[in-house]
N, C-alpha and C. Protein backbone atom coordinates (compact mmCIF):
# COMPACT_ATOMS: atom_id res chain seq x y z
N MET A 1 -31.09 21.73 59.63
CA MET A 1 -31.08 22.62 58.67
C MET A 1 -31.21 22.19 57.02
N ASP A 2 -31.87 23.27 56.55
CA ASP A 2 -32.04 23.25 55.31
C ASP A 2 -30.84 23.52 54.15
N GLY A 3 -29.91 24.20 54.49
CA GLY A 3 -28.49 24.25 53.04
C GLY A 3 -28.91 25.62 52.58
N TYR A 4 -29.43 26.34 53.37
CA TYR A 4 -29.65 27.68 53.32
C TYR A 4 -28.63 28.59 53.73
N LEU A 5 -28.36 29.89 53.12
CA LEU A 5 -27.71 30.78 54.49
C LEU A 5 -28.36 31.33 55.19
N LYS A 6 -28.36 31.68 56.21
CA LYS A 6 -29.45 31.94 57.40
C LYS A 6 -28.86 33.60 57.52
N GLU A 7 -28.14 33.76 57.96
CA GLU A 7 -27.17 35.53 58.03
C GLU A 7 -25.89 35.55 57.07
N HIS A 8 -25.75 36.76 57.16
CA HIS A 8 -24.83 37.09 56.16
C HIS A 8 -24.57 38.77 57.10
N PRO A 9 -23.57 39.16 56.88
CA PRO A 9 -23.31 40.17 57.55
C PRO A 9 -23.53 41.89 57.13
N ILE A 10 -23.80 41.56 55.74
CA ILE A 10 -24.54 42.82 54.95
C ILE A 10 -25.39 42.71 54.15
N LEU A 11 -25.86 41.56 53.74
CA LEU A 11 -26.84 41.06 52.96
C LEU A 11 -28.40 40.32 53.87
N GLU A 12 -29.48 40.66 53.62
CA GLU A 12 -30.51 40.45 53.91
C GLU A 12 -31.41 39.46 52.89
N PHE A 13 -32.11 38.26 53.70
CA PHE A 13 -32.67 37.14 53.15
C PHE A 13 -33.72 37.17 53.12
N LYS A 14 -34.50 37.26 51.83
CA LYS A 14 -36.12 37.40 52.01
C LYS A 14 -36.78 36.01 51.59
N ARG A 15 -36.99 35.42 51.87
CA ARG A 15 -37.26 33.62 51.32
C ARG A 15 -38.92 34.04 51.01
N GLY A 16 -39.40 33.52 49.81
CA GLY A 16 -41.10 33.30 50.09
C GLY A 16 -41.41 32.24 50.63
N LYS A 17 -42.21 31.61 50.29
CA LYS A 17 -43.11 30.21 51.18
C LYS A 17 -42.36 28.76 49.98
N LYS A 18 -42.68 28.12 50.76
CA LYS A 18 -42.12 26.87 50.32
C LYS A 18 -42.23 26.45 49.39
N ILE A 19 -41.86 26.11 48.12
CA ILE A 19 -42.70 25.60 47.38
C ILE A 19 -41.80 24.29 46.18
N LYS A 20 -42.18 23.90 45.50
CA LYS A 20 -42.40 22.63 44.98
C LYS A 20 -41.68 22.72 43.31
N PHE A 21 -40.53 22.18 42.92
CA PHE A 21 -40.11 22.51 41.49
C PHE A 21 -39.87 21.04 41.21
N PHE A 22 -39.10 20.90 39.66
CA PHE A 22 -39.12 19.75 39.40
C PHE A 22 -37.36 19.72 38.69
N PHE A 23 -36.25 19.06 39.26
CA PHE A 23 -35.11 18.97 38.50
C PHE A 23 -34.97 17.85 37.91
N GLU A 24 -34.71 17.72 36.34
CA GLU A 24 -34.47 16.25 36.03
C GLU A 24 -35.87 15.39 36.37
N ASP A 25 -36.91 16.09 36.45
CA ASP A 25 -38.14 14.81 36.51
C ASP A 25 -38.25 14.54 38.22
N ARG A 26 -37.43 15.37 39.06
CA ARG A 26 -37.46 14.82 39.89
C ARG A 26 -38.12 16.18 41.43
N GLU A 27 -38.97 16.40 41.97
CA GLU A 27 -39.38 17.08 42.27
C GLU A 27 -38.74 17.25 43.83
N ILE A 28 -38.16 18.72 44.07
CA ILE A 28 -37.70 19.57 44.98
C ILE A 28 -38.08 20.96 45.17
N GLU A 29 -37.90 20.37 46.45
CA GLU A 29 -38.57 22.02 47.32
C GLU A 29 -37.56 23.11 47.41
N GLY A 30 -37.97 24.18 47.24
CA GLY A 30 -37.08 25.51 47.21
C GLY A 30 -37.86 26.55 47.88
N TYR A 31 -37.18 27.65 47.77
CA TYR A 31 -38.47 29.18 48.67
C TYR A 31 -38.64 30.00 47.17
N GLU A 32 -39.60 30.32 46.82
CA GLU A 32 -40.06 30.66 45.74
C GLU A 32 -39.23 32.54 46.11
N GLY A 33 -38.86 32.94 45.03
CA GLY A 33 -38.23 33.82 45.10
C GLY A 33 -36.71 34.45 44.92
N LEU A 34 -36.35 33.38 45.37
CA LEU A 34 -34.56 33.06 45.46
C LEU A 34 -34.27 32.00 44.46
N PRO A 35 -32.98 32.69 43.90
CA PRO A 35 -32.31 32.13 42.48
C PRO A 35 -32.61 30.40 42.58
N ILE A 36 -32.96 30.18 41.64
CA ILE A 36 -33.12 28.41 41.16
C ILE A 36 -31.69 27.81 41.38
N ALA A 37 -30.74 28.61 41.33
CA ALA A 37 -29.52 28.02 41.27
C ALA A 37 -29.11 27.53 43.12
N ALA A 38 -29.52 28.38 44.31
CA ALA A 38 -29.56 28.83 45.35
C ALA A 38 -30.55 27.14 46.08
N ALA A 39 -31.39 27.12 45.56
CA ALA A 39 -32.49 26.15 45.81
C ALA A 39 -31.77 24.65 45.10
N LEU A 40 -31.41 24.71 44.21
CA LEU A 40 -30.56 23.49 43.86
C LEU A 40 -29.41 23.11 44.58
N HIS A 41 -28.30 24.52 44.89
CA HIS A 41 -27.24 24.09 45.66
C HIS A 41 -27.79 23.41 47.40
N ALA A 42 -28.78 24.15 47.77
CA ALA A 42 -29.58 23.68 49.19
C ALA A 42 -29.85 22.07 49.34
N ALA A 43 -30.28 21.76 48.19
CA ALA A 43 -30.89 20.41 47.70
C ALA A 43 -29.69 19.61 47.42
N GLY A 44 -28.40 20.08 47.56
CA GLY A 44 -27.24 18.96 47.42
C GLY A 44 -26.81 19.16 45.63
N ILE A 45 -27.52 19.69 44.82
CA ILE A 45 -27.49 19.48 43.29
C ILE A 45 -26.25 20.68 43.31
N LYS A 46 -24.70 20.21 42.87
CA LYS A 46 -23.97 21.00 43.23
C LYS A 46 -23.44 21.30 41.32
N VAL A 47 -23.72 20.13 40.88
CA VAL A 47 -23.33 19.98 38.94
C VAL A 47 -24.61 20.87 38.60
N LEU A 48 -24.31 21.86 37.95
CA LEU A 48 -25.41 22.34 37.38
C LEU A 48 -25.55 22.36 35.47
N SER A 49 -24.32 22.54 34.84
CA SER A 49 -24.06 21.96 33.72
C SER A 49 -22.86 21.61 33.62
N PHE A 50 -22.18 21.12 31.84
CA PHE A 50 -21.21 20.43 31.62
C PHE A 50 -20.71 21.34 30.56
N SER A 51 -19.01 21.65 30.55
CA SER A 51 -18.40 22.52 29.34
C SER A 51 -18.92 21.72 27.72
N GLU A 52 -18.67 22.81 26.91
CA GLU A 52 -19.21 21.71 25.98
C GLU A 52 -17.96 20.93 25.23
N ARG A 53 -16.41 21.90 25.38
CA ARG A 53 -15.07 20.81 24.51
C ARG A 53 -15.20 19.75 25.61
N TYR A 54 -15.10 20.01 27.03
CA TYR A 54 -14.46 18.78 27.32
C TYR A 54 -15.43 18.08 28.67
N ASN A 55 -16.43 18.85 28.28
CA ASN A 55 -17.75 17.51 29.04
C ASN A 55 -17.13 18.02 30.76
N ARG A 56 -16.70 18.80 31.21
CA ARG A 56 -16.37 19.28 32.89
C ARG A 56 -17.21 19.28 33.48
N PRO A 57 -17.79 19.12 34.90
CA PRO A 57 -19.19 19.96 35.56
C PRO A 57 -18.59 21.14 35.83
N ARG A 58 -19.52 22.09 35.59
CA ARG A 58 -19.60 23.50 36.18
C ARG A 58 -20.86 23.61 36.99
N GLY A 59 -20.32 24.66 37.95
CA GLY A 59 -21.45 24.17 39.43
C GLY A 59 -21.70 25.74 39.38
N PHE A 60 -21.76 26.29 40.45
CA PHE A 60 -23.11 28.04 40.94
C PHE A 60 -21.65 28.63 41.24
N PHE A 61 -20.99 29.60 39.99
CA PHE A 61 -19.91 29.36 40.41
C PHE A 61 -19.94 31.38 40.80
N CYS A 62 -20.13 32.31 40.43
CA CYS A 62 -20.03 34.09 40.31
C CYS A 62 -21.22 34.30 40.85
N ALA A 63 -22.75 33.55 40.66
CA ALA A 63 -23.89 34.07 41.14
C ALA A 63 -24.21 35.87 41.10
N VAL A 64 -23.83 36.42 39.72
CA VAL A 64 -23.73 37.28 39.30
C VAL A 64 -24.24 37.85 38.25
N GLY A 65 -24.51 36.38 37.49
CA GLY A 65 -24.63 37.02 35.67
C GLY A 65 -23.53 36.90 35.30
N LYS A 66 -22.32 36.47 35.26
CA LYS A 66 -21.51 37.03 34.13
C LYS A 66 -20.61 36.16 33.56
N CYS A 67 -20.67 34.65 34.32
CA CYS A 67 -20.02 33.95 33.79
C CYS A 67 -20.59 32.65 33.07
N SER A 68 -21.16 31.67 32.74
CA SER A 68 -21.85 30.59 32.06
C SER A 68 -21.87 29.12 32.21
N SER A 69 -21.24 29.35 33.73
CA SER A 69 -21.67 28.23 34.54
C SER A 69 -22.63 27.20 35.19
N CYS A 70 -23.74 28.66 35.10
CA CYS A 70 -25.04 28.03 35.37
C CYS A 70 -26.28 27.94 34.12
N LEU A 71 -25.49 27.64 33.36
CA LEU A 71 -26.63 27.91 31.98
C LEU A 71 -27.50 26.78 32.14
N MET A 72 -28.85 26.84 32.53
CA MET A 72 -29.69 25.18 32.39
C MET A 72 -30.99 25.72 31.52
N GLU A 73 -31.70 24.85 31.22
CA GLU A 73 -32.74 24.63 30.80
C GLU A 73 -33.94 24.67 32.04
N VAL A 74 -34.71 25.79 31.37
CA VAL A 74 -36.13 26.12 32.53
C VAL A 74 -37.01 26.18 31.53
N ASP A 75 -38.12 25.27 32.00
CA ASP A 75 -39.20 25.07 31.58
C ASP A 75 -39.49 25.56 29.89
N GLY A 76 -38.61 24.68 29.52
CA GLY A 76 -38.15 24.61 27.76
C GLY A 76 -37.44 25.86 27.40
N HIS A 77 -36.85 26.64 28.30
CA HIS A 77 -35.82 27.44 27.41
C HIS A 77 -34.25 26.99 27.97
N SER A 78 -33.24 27.17 27.08
CA SER A 78 -31.86 26.77 27.20
C SER A 78 -31.35 28.19 27.36
N ASN A 79 -30.40 28.46 27.93
CA ASN A 79 -29.40 29.07 28.35
C ASN A 79 -29.70 30.19 29.14
N VAL A 80 -30.67 29.59 30.31
CA VAL A 80 -30.82 30.50 31.44
C VAL A 80 -30.35 30.33 32.43
N MET A 81 -29.70 31.73 32.88
CA MET A 81 -28.52 31.77 34.27
C MET A 81 -29.38 31.60 35.28
N VAL A 82 -29.20 30.49 35.44
CA VAL A 82 -30.26 30.53 37.23
C VAL A 82 -29.76 30.84 38.10
N CYS A 83 -28.43 31.81 38.26
CA CYS A 83 -27.92 32.27 39.79
C CYS A 83 -29.16 33.25 39.65
N MET A 84 -29.16 34.09 38.46
CA MET A 84 -30.44 35.20 38.67
C MET A 84 -31.46 35.06 38.49
N GLU A 85 -32.49 33.63 37.87
CA GLU A 85 -33.35 33.42 37.53
C GLU A 85 -34.43 32.87 39.24
N LEU A 86 -35.21 33.86 38.97
CA LEU A 86 -36.20 33.46 40.27
C LEU A 86 -36.93 32.22 40.68
N LEU A 87 -36.48 31.12 41.47
CA LEU A 87 -37.65 30.07 41.67
C LEU A 87 -39.15 30.25 41.68
N LYS A 88 -40.04 29.70 41.04
CA LYS A 88 -41.38 29.97 41.04
C LYS A 88 -42.06 28.52 40.81
N PRO A 89 -43.00 27.96 41.27
CA PRO A 89 -43.74 26.95 41.76
C PRO A 89 -44.07 26.06 39.98
N GLY A 90 -43.02 24.93 40.44
CA GLY A 90 -43.51 24.22 39.12
C GLY A 90 -42.38 24.13 38.24
N MET A 91 -41.61 24.92 38.44
CA MET A 91 -40.48 25.02 37.12
C MET A 91 -39.96 23.81 36.65
N LYS A 92 -39.71 23.31 35.57
CA LYS A 92 -39.10 22.11 35.03
C LYS A 92 -37.88 22.69 34.96
N VAL A 93 -36.34 22.57 35.56
CA VAL A 93 -35.17 22.48 34.95
C VAL A 93 -34.74 21.21 34.78
N ARG A 94 -33.36 21.59 34.06
CA ARG A 94 -32.48 20.52 33.31
C ARG A 94 -31.15 20.77 33.26
N ARG A 95 -30.05 20.09 33.40
CA ARG A 95 -29.25 20.51 32.95
C ARG A 95 -29.19 20.08 31.24
N GLN A 96 -27.84 21.31 30.79
CA GLN A 96 -27.16 21.17 29.28
C GLN A 96 -26.03 21.19 29.53
N LYS A 97 -25.40 20.94 27.86
CA LYS A 97 -24.28 20.38 27.81
C LYS A 97 -24.01 21.98 27.02
N GLY A 98 -22.72 22.78 27.56
CA GLY A 98 -22.72 23.89 26.96
C GLY A 98 -23.77 24.74 26.57
N LYS A 99 -23.27 26.12 25.71
CA LYS A 99 -24.49 27.05 25.05
C LYS A 99 -24.98 25.94 24.06
N SER A 100 -26.46 25.96 24.87
CA SER A 100 -27.75 25.26 23.92
C SER A 100 -28.10 25.95 22.22
N GLN A 101 -27.85 25.74 21.15
CA GLN A 101 -28.64 26.31 20.39
C GLN A 101 -30.10 26.45 20.17
N LYS A 102 -30.62 25.78 20.98
CA LYS A 102 -32.31 25.77 21.33
C LYS A 102 -32.85 26.81 21.85
N GLN A 103 -33.38 27.54 21.50
CA GLN A 103 -33.84 28.54 22.25
C GLN A 103 -35.62 28.42 22.37
């Protein structure tokens, strides 16, 4: 089993082909066109970022772009909501602490 949902009573999952991307310099596989957060979660990566004030781990929370728990650096761009950003081959994904000022 690869960690992805296979069935849902009202949602349909359309996966692209299996591709490779990088999480903090580690090569990982995921399905093209699904959210980056889903690929990370399926790979066992549950901590996506850390809160700025208390350095608490944050994970895949709302999955609809309404919170800031999934802000990560993607291909050198900070503050990317990985619950909404779709996975592409070769992406470089990194954790960040809080909301970064770097754009």
